């Protein structure tokens, strides 16, 4: 399912236009993104948590030359599914 399809389903369920539903989805995603940039966790009870994980710097190898390279420390967004979501996906 893509964002337009999601907006269509949300719009029909909430009895609003697809365009308004898409704005609501965009706004929600913007707020989640801003919170992650600020280093905050976003907890959606029953669904899951959006977090930022830090990756340590390390030494790697260039696969073509075999030369050692330094891979810098980085941050990456991650999603941790909640218990209810896990149960739904497993079919329990």
N, C-alpha and C. Protein backbone atom coordinates (compact mmCIF):
# COMPACT_ATOMS: atom_id res chain seq x y z
N UNK A 1 0.85 -1.17 0.00
CA UNK A 1 0.00 0.00 0.00
C UNK A 1 0.90 1.23 0.00
N UNK A 2 0.58 2.19 -0.87
CA UNK A 2 1.35 3.44 -0.88
C UNK A 2 0.55 4.54 -0.15
N UNK A 3 1.15 5.74 -0.10
CA UNK A 3 0.53 6.83 0.67
C UNK A 3 -0.82 7.25 0.10
N UNK A 4 -0.96 7.28 -1.20
CA UNK A 4 -2.25 7.67 -1.81
C UNK A 4 -3.34 6.65 -1.48
N UNK A 5 -2.99 5.38 -1.51
CA UNK A 5 -3.96 4.34 -1.16
C UNK A 5 -4.35 4.44 0.31
N UNK A 6 -3.36 4.69 1.16
CA UNK A 6 -3.63 4.87 2.59
C UNK A 6 -4.54 6.07 2.80
N UNK A 7 -4.27 7.17 2.12
CA UNK A 7 -5.09 8.37 2.25
C UNK A 7 -6.52 8.08 1.78
N UNK A 8 -6.67 7.31 0.74
CA UNK A 8 -8.00 6.95 0.27
C UNK A 8 -8.78 6.16 1.31
N UNK A 9 -8.11 5.20 1.96
CA UNK A 9 -8.78 4.39 3.00
C UNK A 9 -9.11 5.22 4.23
N UNK A 10 -8.15 6.08 4.64
CA UNK A 10 -8.40 6.94 5.80
C UNK A 10 -9.53 7.90 5.49
N UNK A 11 -9.53 8.48 4.30
CA UNK A 11 -10.57 9.41 3.91
C UNK A 11 -11.95 8.78 3.92
N UNK A 12 -12.06 7.58 3.39
CA UNK A 12 -13.37 6.93 3.37
C UNK A 12 -13.82 6.53 4.77
N UNK A 13 -12.90 6.08 5.60
CA UNK A 13 -13.24 5.69 6.98
C UNK A 13 -13.67 6.90 7.81
N UNK A 14 -12.98 8.03 7.63
CA UNK A 14 -13.25 9.23 8.43
C UNK A 14 -14.27 10.15 7.76
N UNK A 15 -14.71 9.78 6.56
CA UNK A 15 -15.68 10.58 5.80
C UNK A 15 -15.14 11.99 5.52
N UNK A 16 -13.87 12.03 5.08
CA UNK A 16 -13.25 13.27 4.63
C UNK A 16 -12.67 13.02 3.25
N UNK A 17 -12.28 14.09 2.58
CA UNK A 17 -11.75 13.92 1.23
C UNK A 17 -10.38 13.25 1.29
N UNK A 18 -10.00 12.66 0.18
CA UNK A 18 -8.70 12.01 0.07
C UNK A 18 -7.58 13.04 0.26
N UNK A 19 -7.79 14.25 -0.26
CA UNK A 19 -6.78 15.31 -0.13
C UNK A 19 -6.58 15.70 1.33
N UNK A 20 -7.66 15.82 2.09
CA UNK A 20 -7.53 16.16 3.52
C UNK A 20 -6.85 15.04 4.28
N UNK A 21 -7.19 13.81 3.95
CA UNK A 21 -6.56 12.67 4.60
C UNK A 21 -5.07 12.64 4.31
N UNK A 22 -4.69 12.97 3.08
CA UNK A 22 -3.28 12.99 2.72
C UNK A 22 -2.54 14.09 3.49
N UNK A 23 -3.19 15.23 3.70
CA UNK A 23 -2.57 16.31 4.49
C UNK A 23 -2.37 15.87 5.93
N UNK A 24 -3.34 15.15 6.49
CA UNK A 24 -3.22 14.65 7.86
C UNK A 24 -2.05 13.67 7.95
N UNK A 25 -1.94 12.78 6.99
CA UNK A 25 -0.84 11.81 6.98
C UNK A 25 0.49 12.53 6.84
N UNK A 26 0.58 13.49 5.92
CA UNK A 26 1.82 14.25 5.73
C UNK A 26 2.23 14.99 7.00
N UNK A 27 1.24 15.61 7.65
CA UNK A 27 1.52 16.36 8.88
C UNK A 27 2.00 15.42 9.98
N UNK A 28 1.38 14.27 10.11
CA UNK A 28 1.79 13.28 11.11
C UNK A 28 3.22 12.83 10.86
N UNK A 29 3.54 12.52 9.62
CA UNK A 29 4.89 12.07 9.29
C UNK A 29 5.92 13.18 9.51
N UNK A 30 5.54 14.43 9.23
CA UNK A 30 6.43 15.56 9.49
C UNK A 30 6.76 15.69 10.98
N UNK A 31 5.73 15.55 11.82
CA UNK A 31 5.95 15.65 13.27
C UNK A 31 6.80 14.50 13.78
N UNK A 32 6.61 13.30 13.25
CA UNK A 32 7.44 12.16 13.65
C UNK A 32 8.88 12.43 13.24
N UNK A 33 9.08 12.91 12.01
CA UNK A 33 10.43 13.21 11.52
C UNK A 33 11.11 14.27 12.38
N UNK A 34 10.39 15.34 12.70
CA UNK A 34 10.96 16.41 13.52
C UNK A 34 11.36 15.90 14.90
N UNK A 35 10.53 15.05 15.48
CA UNK A 35 10.84 14.50 16.80
C UNK A 35 12.11 13.65 16.74
N UNK A 36 12.24 12.84 15.70
CA UNK A 36 13.44 11.99 15.57
C UNK A 36 14.69 12.84 15.37
N UNK A 37 14.59 13.90 14.58
CA UNK A 37 15.72 14.80 14.38
C UNK A 37 16.14 15.44 15.70
N UNK A 38 15.17 15.73 16.56
CA UNK A 38 15.45 16.33 17.86
C UNK A 38 15.94 15.30 18.88
N UNK A 39 16.03 14.03 18.47
CA UNK A 39 16.53 12.99 19.37
C UNK A 39 15.47 12.37 20.26
N UNK A 40 14.22 12.63 19.98
CA UNK A 40 13.13 12.08 20.79
C UNK A 40 12.66 10.74 20.23
N UNK A 41 12.04 9.94 21.11
CA UNK A 41 11.35 8.73 20.69
C UNK A 41 9.91 9.09 20.40
N UNK A 42 9.30 8.41 19.46
CA UNK A 42 7.88 8.59 19.20
C UNK A 42 7.21 7.26 19.52
N UNK A 43 6.37 7.26 20.54
CA UNK A 43 5.71 6.04 21.00
C UNK A 43 4.24 6.06 20.62
N UNK A 44 3.84 5.10 19.84
CA UNK A 44 2.44 4.94 19.47
C UNK A 44 1.98 3.64 20.12
N UNK A 45 1.33 3.77 21.27
CA UNK A 45 0.96 2.61 22.08
C UNK A 45 0.11 1.65 21.26
N UNK A 46 0.49 0.39 21.30
CA UNK A 46 -0.20 -0.65 20.57
C UNK A 46 0.30 -0.83 19.15
N UNK A 47 1.04 0.15 18.63
CA UNK A 47 1.56 0.06 17.27
C UNK A 47 3.07 -0.15 17.28
N UNK A 48 3.80 0.78 17.90
CA UNK A 48 5.25 0.65 17.97
C UNK A 48 5.93 1.95 18.28
N UNK A 49 7.25 1.92 18.25
CA UNK A 49 8.07 3.08 18.58
C UNK A 49 9.00 3.42 17.42
N UNK A 50 9.13 4.70 17.15
CA UNK A 50 10.12 5.20 16.21
C UNK A 50 11.27 5.74 17.04
N UNK A 51 12.48 5.30 16.75
CA UNK A 51 13.65 5.71 17.52
C UNK A 51 14.81 6.02 16.57
N UNK A 52 15.83 6.67 17.12
CA UNK A 52 17.07 6.91 16.38
C UNK A 52 18.14 6.05 17.03
N UNK A 53 18.80 5.25 16.21
CA UNK A 53 19.87 4.39 16.72
C UNK A 53 21.21 4.92 16.24
N UNK A 54 22.19 4.83 17.13
CA UNK A 54 23.55 5.25 16.78
C UNK A 54 24.35 4.03 16.35
N UNK A 55 25.11 4.21 15.29
CA UNK A 55 26.01 3.16 14.83
C UNK A 55 27.44 3.61 15.13
N UNK A 56 28.20 2.76 15.74
CA UNK A 56 29.58 3.09 16.07
C UNK A 56 30.43 3.14 14.80
N UNK A 57 31.47 3.96 14.86
CA UNK A 57 32.43 3.98 13.76
C UNK A 57 33.21 2.68 13.76
N UNK A 58 33.68 2.27 12.60
CA UNK A 58 34.41 1.01 12.52
C UNK A 58 35.35 1.03 11.31
N UNK A 59 36.18 0.03 11.26
CA UNK A 59 37.09 -0.12 10.13
C UNK A 59 36.48 -1.18 9.20
N UNK A 60 36.39 -0.84 7.93
CA UNK A 60 35.86 -1.77 6.94
C UNK A 60 36.88 -1.98 5.83
N UNK A 61 36.47 -2.70 4.81
CA UNK A 61 37.36 -2.95 3.66
C UNK A 61 36.64 -2.60 2.37
N UNK A 62 37.39 -2.01 1.45
CA UNK A 62 36.87 -1.75 0.12
C UNK A 62 36.83 -3.11 -0.59
N UNK A 63 35.64 -3.57 -1.03
CA UNK A 63 35.55 -4.90 -1.62
C UNK A 63 36.33 -5.06 -2.93
N UNK A 64 36.56 -3.96 -3.64
CA UNK A 64 37.28 -4.05 -4.91
C UNK A 64 38.79 -4.13 -4.73
N UNK A 65 39.30 -3.33 -3.79
CA UNK A 65 40.76 -3.25 -3.62
C UNK A 65 41.25 -3.98 -2.37
N UNK A 66 40.37 -4.22 -1.43
CA UNK A 66 40.78 -4.84 -0.18
C UNK A 66 41.41 -3.87 0.80
N UNK A 67 41.49 -2.59 0.42
CA UNK A 67 42.10 -1.57 1.28
C UNK A 67 41.19 -1.29 2.48
N UNK A 68 41.83 -1.02 3.62
CA UNK A 68 41.07 -0.67 4.82
C UNK A 68 40.52 0.75 4.68
N UNK A 69 39.27 0.93 5.10
CA UNK A 69 38.66 2.26 5.12
C UNK A 69 38.00 2.47 6.48
N UNK A 70 37.91 3.71 6.87
CA UNK A 70 37.26 4.05 8.13
C UNK A 70 35.82 4.44 7.85
N UNK A 71 34.90 3.76 8.51
CA UNK A 71 33.47 4.07 8.38
C UNK A 71 33.09 4.90 9.60
N UNK A 72 32.61 6.11 9.34
CA UNK A 72 32.30 7.05 10.42
C UNK A 72 31.07 6.62 11.22
N UNK A 73 30.99 7.13 12.43
CA UNK A 73 29.82 6.94 13.28
C UNK A 73 28.62 7.57 12.58
N UNK A 74 27.43 6.98 12.72
CA UNK A 74 26.24 7.55 12.09
C UNK A 74 25.00 7.28 12.93
N UNK A 75 23.94 7.94 12.56
CA UNK A 75 22.64 7.73 13.20
C UNK A 75 21.67 7.27 12.13
N UNK A 76 20.72 6.41 12.53
CA UNK A 76 19.74 5.91 11.58
C UNK A 76 18.39 5.75 12.28
N UNK A 77 17.30 6.10 11.58
CA UNK A 77 15.98 5.91 12.17
C UNK A 77 15.63 4.42 12.18
N UNK A 78 14.85 4.02 13.18
CA UNK A 78 14.43 2.62 13.28
C UNK A 78 13.00 2.56 13.81
N UNK A 79 12.33 1.47 13.50
CA UNK A 79 10.98 1.23 14.01
C UNK A 79 11.00 -0.05 14.81
N UNK A 80 10.44 0.00 16.02
CA UNK A 80 10.33 -1.17 16.88
C UNK A 80 8.84 -1.47 17.02
N UNK A 81 8.36 -2.57 16.44
CA UNK A 81 6.94 -2.86 16.51
C UNK A 81 6.48 -3.17 17.93
N UNK A 82 5.25 -2.77 18.23
CA UNK A 82 4.66 -3.03 19.54
C UNK A 82 4.11 -4.45 19.62
N UNK A 83 3.76 -4.86 20.82
CA UNK A 83 3.25 -6.21 21.06
C UNK A 83 1.99 -6.48 20.26
N UNK A 84 1.07 -5.53 20.24
CA UNK A 84 -0.19 -5.74 19.52
C UNK A 84 0.04 -5.91 18.03
N UNK A 85 0.92 -5.11 17.46
CA UNK A 85 1.22 -5.22 16.03
C UNK A 85 1.87 -6.57 15.72
N UNK A 86 2.78 -7.01 16.58
CA UNK A 86 3.41 -8.31 16.38
C UNK A 86 2.38 -9.43 16.38
N UNK A 87 1.43 -9.35 17.33
CA UNK A 87 0.40 -10.38 17.40
C UNK A 87 -0.49 -10.38 16.17
N UNK A 88 -0.84 -9.18 15.68
CA UNK A 88 -1.67 -9.09 14.48
C UNK A 88 -0.98 -9.71 13.27
N UNK A 89 0.30 -9.41 13.12
CA UNK A 89 1.05 -9.92 11.97
C UNK A 89 1.21 -11.44 12.06
N UNK A 90 1.40 -11.94 13.28
CA UNK A 90 1.55 -13.39 13.45
C UNK A 90 0.23 -14.12 13.31
N UNK A 91 -0.88 -13.38 13.39
CA UNK A 91 -2.20 -14.01 13.28
C UNK A 91 -2.72 -14.58 14.59
N UNK A 92 -2.24 -14.06 15.68
CA UNK A 92 -2.68 -14.56 17.01
C UNK A 92 -3.65 -13.60 17.64
